[in-house]
Protein backbone atom coordinates (compact mmCIF):
# COMPACT_ATOMS: atom_id res chain seq x y z
CA UNK A 1 -0.03 -0.06 -0.05
CA UNK A 2 2.66 2.54 1.06
CA UNK A 3 4.35 1.81 -2.33
CA UNK A 4 1.04 2.94 -4.32
CA UNK A 5 0.74 6.08 -1.89
CA UNK A 6 4.42 6.84 -2.75
CA UNK A 7 3.92 6.59 -6.55
CA UNK A 8 0.75 8.79 -5.83
CA UNK A 9 2.76 11.33 -4.09
CA UNK A 10 5.33 11.47 -7.11
CA UNK A 11 2.80 12.06 -9.34
CA UNK A 12 1.10 14.80 -7.64
CA UNK A 13 4.40 16.48 -6.71
CA UNK A 14 5.67 16.26 -10.51
CA UNK A 15 2.04 17.95 -11.53
CA UNK A 16 2.59 20.64 -8.93
CA UNK A 17 6.22 21.30 -9.70
CA UNK A 18 4.98 21.31 -13.40
CA UNK A 19 2.74 24.34 -12.90
CA UNK A 20 5.89 26.84 -12.37
CA UNK A 21 5.27 28.71 -15.42
CA UNK A 22 1.47 29.43 -15.07
CA UNK A 23 2.50 31.77 -11.92
CA UNK A 24 5.84 32.58 -13.19
CA UNK A 25 5.73 33.48 -16.88
CA UNK A 26 2.78 36.28 -16.26
CA UNK A 27 5.52 38.20 -13.65
CA UNK A 28 8.23 37.69 -16.01
CA UNK A 29 5.93 39.39 -18.60
CA UNK A 30 5.37 42.24 -16.69
CA UNK A 31 8.77 42.88 -15.73
CA UNK A 32 9.02 41.58 -12.38
CA UNK A 33 12.17 40.18 -11.77
CA UNK A 34 13.35 36.65 -11.31
CA UNK A 35 15.39 36.77 -7.74
CA UNK A 36 12.56 38.97 -6.26
CA UNK A 37 9.94 36.64 -7.27
CA UNK A 38 11.40 33.54 -5.99
CA UNK A 39 12.67 35.45 -2.84
CA UNK A 40 9.23 35.94 -2.05
CA UNK A 41 7.96 32.44 -2.99
CA UNK A 42 10.07 30.81 -0.96
CA UNK A 43 9.93 33.07 2.16
CA UNK A 44 5.87 32.94 1.67
CA UNK A 45 5.86 29.23 1.33
CA UNK A 46 7.81 28.98 4.31
CA UNK A 47 5.74 30.93 6.51
CA UNK A 48 2.68 29.15 5.50
CA UNK A 49 4.22 25.87 5.94
CA UNK A 50 5.31 26.67 9.36
CA UNK A 51 2.54 25.90 11.72
CA UNK A 52 2.42 22.37 9.84
CA UNK A 53 6.36 21.79 10.05
CA UNK A 54 6.00 22.62 14.05
CA UNK A 55 2.98 20.80 14.95
CA UNK A 56 3.22 17.62 12.67
CA UNK A 57 7.04 17.79 11.63
CA UNK A 58 7.73 17.11 15.97
CA UNK A 59 9.42 21.01 16.36
CA UNK A 60 12.09 22.68 14.39
CA UNK A 61 14.77 21.91 16.52
CA UNK A 62 18.04 20.81 14.42
CA UNK A 63 21.78 20.57 15.36
CA UNK A 64 24.32 22.79 14.22
CA UNK A 65 25.49 20.02 11.47
CA UNK A 66 21.76 19.27 10.50
CA UNK A 67 21.21 23.04 9.71
CA UNK A 68 24.87 23.11 7.48
CA UNK A 69 23.09 19.98 5.49
CA UNK A 70 19.64 21.67 5.40
CA UNK A 71 21.37 25.33 3.51
CA UNK A 72 23.07 23.47 1.56
CA UNK A 73 20.03 21.77 0.02
CA UNK A 74 18.14 25.15 0.27
CA UNK A 75 21.03 26.73 -1.99
CA UNK A 76 20.67 23.43 -4.38
CA UNK A 77 16.62 24.30 -4.45
CA UNK A 78 17.20 27.88 -4.90
CA UNK A 79 19.76 27.48 -7.69
CA UNK A 80 17.63 25.01 -9.72
CA UNK A 81 14.47 27.46 -9.42
CA UNK A 82 16.85 30.26 -10.68
CA UNK A 83 18.20 28.35 -13.45
CA UNK A 84 14.34 27.33 -14.55
CA UNK A 85 12.78 30.46 -14.25
CA UNK A 86 16.10 32.33 -16.03
CA UNK A 87 15.30 29.72 -18.91
CA UNK A 88 11.68 31.07 -19.45
CA UNK A 89 13.01 34.01 -20.92
CA UNK A 90 15.16 32.12 -23.75
CA UNK A 91 12.66 29.88 -24.76
CA UNK A 92 9.00 28.46 -24.45
CA UNK A 93 7.98 27.64 -20.46
CA UNK A 94 6.44 24.32 -21.97
CA UNK A 95 9.26 22.83 -23.52
CA UNK A 96 11.91 24.43 -20.64
CA UNK A 97 9.50 22.44 -18.13
CA UNK A 98 9.54 19.26 -20.26
CA UNK A 99 13.30 19.14 -20.37
CA UNK A 100 13.44 19.89 -16.37
CA UNK A 101 11.91 16.16 -16.00
CA UNK A 102 15.48 15.12 -16.61
CA UNK A 103 16.06 15.15 -12.95
CA UNK A 104 14.87 11.64 -12.33
CA UNK A 105 17.55 10.53 -14.92
CA UNK A 106 20.32 12.54 -13.21
CA UNK A 107 18.89 11.39 -9.90
CA UNK A 108 19.30 7.69 -11.15
CA UNK A 109 22.56 8.26 -12.45
CA UNK A 110 24.14 9.67 -9.66
CA UNK A 111 22.86 7.28 -7.12
CA UNK A 112 23.93 4.47 -9.49
CA UNK A 113 27.55 5.99 -10.00
CA UNK A 114 28.43 7.44 -6.72
CA UNK A 115 26.33 5.22 -4.31
CA UNK A 116 26.21 2.02 -6.23
CA UNK A 117 22.56 1.83 -6.30
CA UNK A 118 21.49 -0.58 -9.17
CA UNK A 119 19.92 0.64 -12.21
CA UNK A 120 18.03 -2.10 -13.82
CA UNK A 121 17.08 -2.32 -17.50
CA UNK A 122 13.87 -0.22 -17.19
CA UNK A 123 15.58 2.54 -15.95
CA UNK A 124 18.42 2.41 -18.38
CA UNK A 125 15.70 2.15 -21.14
CA UNK A 126 13.75 5.25 -19.38
CA UNK A 127 17.18 7.25 -19.46
CA UNK A 128 17.43 6.53 -22.98
CA UNK A 129 13.96 7.83 -24.28
CA UNK A 130 14.21 10.74 -22.04
CA UNK A 131 17.36 12.14 -23.69
CA UNK A 132 15.77 11.14 -27.27
CA UNK A 133 12.75 13.19 -25.87
CA UNK A 134 15.05 15.98 -25.37
CA UNK A 135 16.79 15.95 -28.84
CA UNK A 136 13.40 16.10 -30.51
CA UNK A 137 12.33 19.19 -28.12
CA UNK A 138 15.85 21.07 -28.77
CA UNK A 139 15.00 22.38 -32.72
CA UNK A 140 17.95 24.87 -32.28
CA UNK A 141 17.66 25.67 -36.03
CA UNK A 142 14.17 26.73 -35.34
CA UNK A 143 15.36 29.74 -33.15
CA UNK A 144 12.46 28.87 -30.23
CA UNK A 145 15.12 27.33 -28.06
CA UNK A 146 18.68 28.62 -27.39
CA UNK A 147 21.36 26.20 -26.30
CA UNK A 148 22.02 28.48 -23.23
CA UNK A 149 18.58 27.79 -22.14
CA UNK A 150 18.88 24.19 -22.62
CA UNK A 151 21.77 24.82 -20.49
CA UNK A 152 19.99 26.38 -18.16
CA UNK A 153 17.13 23.77 -17.74
CA UNK A 154 19.64 21.22 -17.56
CA UNK A 155 21.29 23.00 -14.68
CA UNK A 156 18.04 23.41 -12.99
CA UNK A 157 17.35 19.53 -13.19
CA UNK A 158 20.78 18.43 -12.07
CA UNK A 159 20.42 20.81 -8.80
CA UNK A 160 17.38 19.49 -8.11
CA UNK A 161 18.54 15.87 -8.64
CA UNK A 162 21.44 16.54 -6.26
CA UNK A 163 18.70 17.96 -3.79
CA UNK A 164 17.00 15.02 -4.06
CA UNK A 165 19.96 12.59 -3.77
CA UNK A 166 20.99 14.32 -0.73
CA UNK A 167 17.55 14.22 1.09
CA UNK A 168 18.14 10.33 0.73
CA UNK A 169 21.82 9.87 1.34
CA UNK A 170 22.43 12.33 4.56
CA UNK A 171 20.91 12.44 7.67
CA UNK A 172 18.12 14.42 6.21
CA UNK A 173 16.54 10.91 5.41
CA UNK A 174 15.86 10.52 9.20
CA UNK A 175 14.21 13.74 9.76
CA UNK A 176 10.50 14.74 9.24
CA UNK A 177 9.64 15.39 5.61
CA UNK A 178 7.45 18.44 6.71
CA UNK A 179 10.61 19.71 8.53
CA UNK A 180 13.00 19.16 5.68
CA UNK A 181 10.54 21.07 3.40
CA UNK A 182 10.38 24.07 5.63
CA UNK A 183 13.84 24.57 5.87
CA UNK A 184 14.75 24.07 2.21
CA UNK A 185 12.28 26.81 1.34
CA UNK A 186 13.53 29.12 4.44
CA UNK A 187 17.03 28.63 3.47
CA UNK A 188 16.40 29.29 -0.14
CA UNK A 189 14.85 32.52 0.57
CA UNK A 190 18.02 33.30 2.78
CA UNK A 191 20.04 32.46 -0.07
CA UNK A 192 18.62 34.71 -2.20
CA UNK A 193 18.53 37.72 0.45
CA UNK A 194 22.30 36.76 0.30
CA UNK A 195 22.44 37.01 -3.51
CA UNK A 196 20.39 40.32 -3.48
CA UNK A 197 23.27 41.86 -0.64
CA UNK A 198 26.16 40.66 -2.50
CA UNK A 199 25.05 42.46 -5.76
């Protein structure tokens, strides 16, 4: 039963993540800055999630070492979002969002290469099909997709896959998912605040 619940949660997560252009692109079209948009997005989400993380996540206390890992994954999340939203300026958001879903491929490859996780023939076939799909989408000669735009989306997918791997292989694997989500959002906002201050 847990397996099917996990699959359902994965589908909901993928669909929800795929709605990024629905809210981001209209703001970009009216000249809203990517960094400002993402800062308020992450900060607002962290504030909304705070009471749920505190109550259902059994408190928000963390050790110093856990806080360091949480900050690291928050930065990865921020980089992934920043690269994705910047790519919306260079290519159709639908194509960018489709390419973004290379992240499960990168996740499988990282787990297989660096953590010796088994990669079966099904995963291998899925990886091959995914790359073929990207090649079909990347009509560089047509002018609607730029190489730099594709590079940004690949960076976004790679950063997000590293985020997913970190949740699996670090001490965060034993932490409440709500607590991890809250701190990921909070530290993503902090990363953008630091970025603003450094500009």
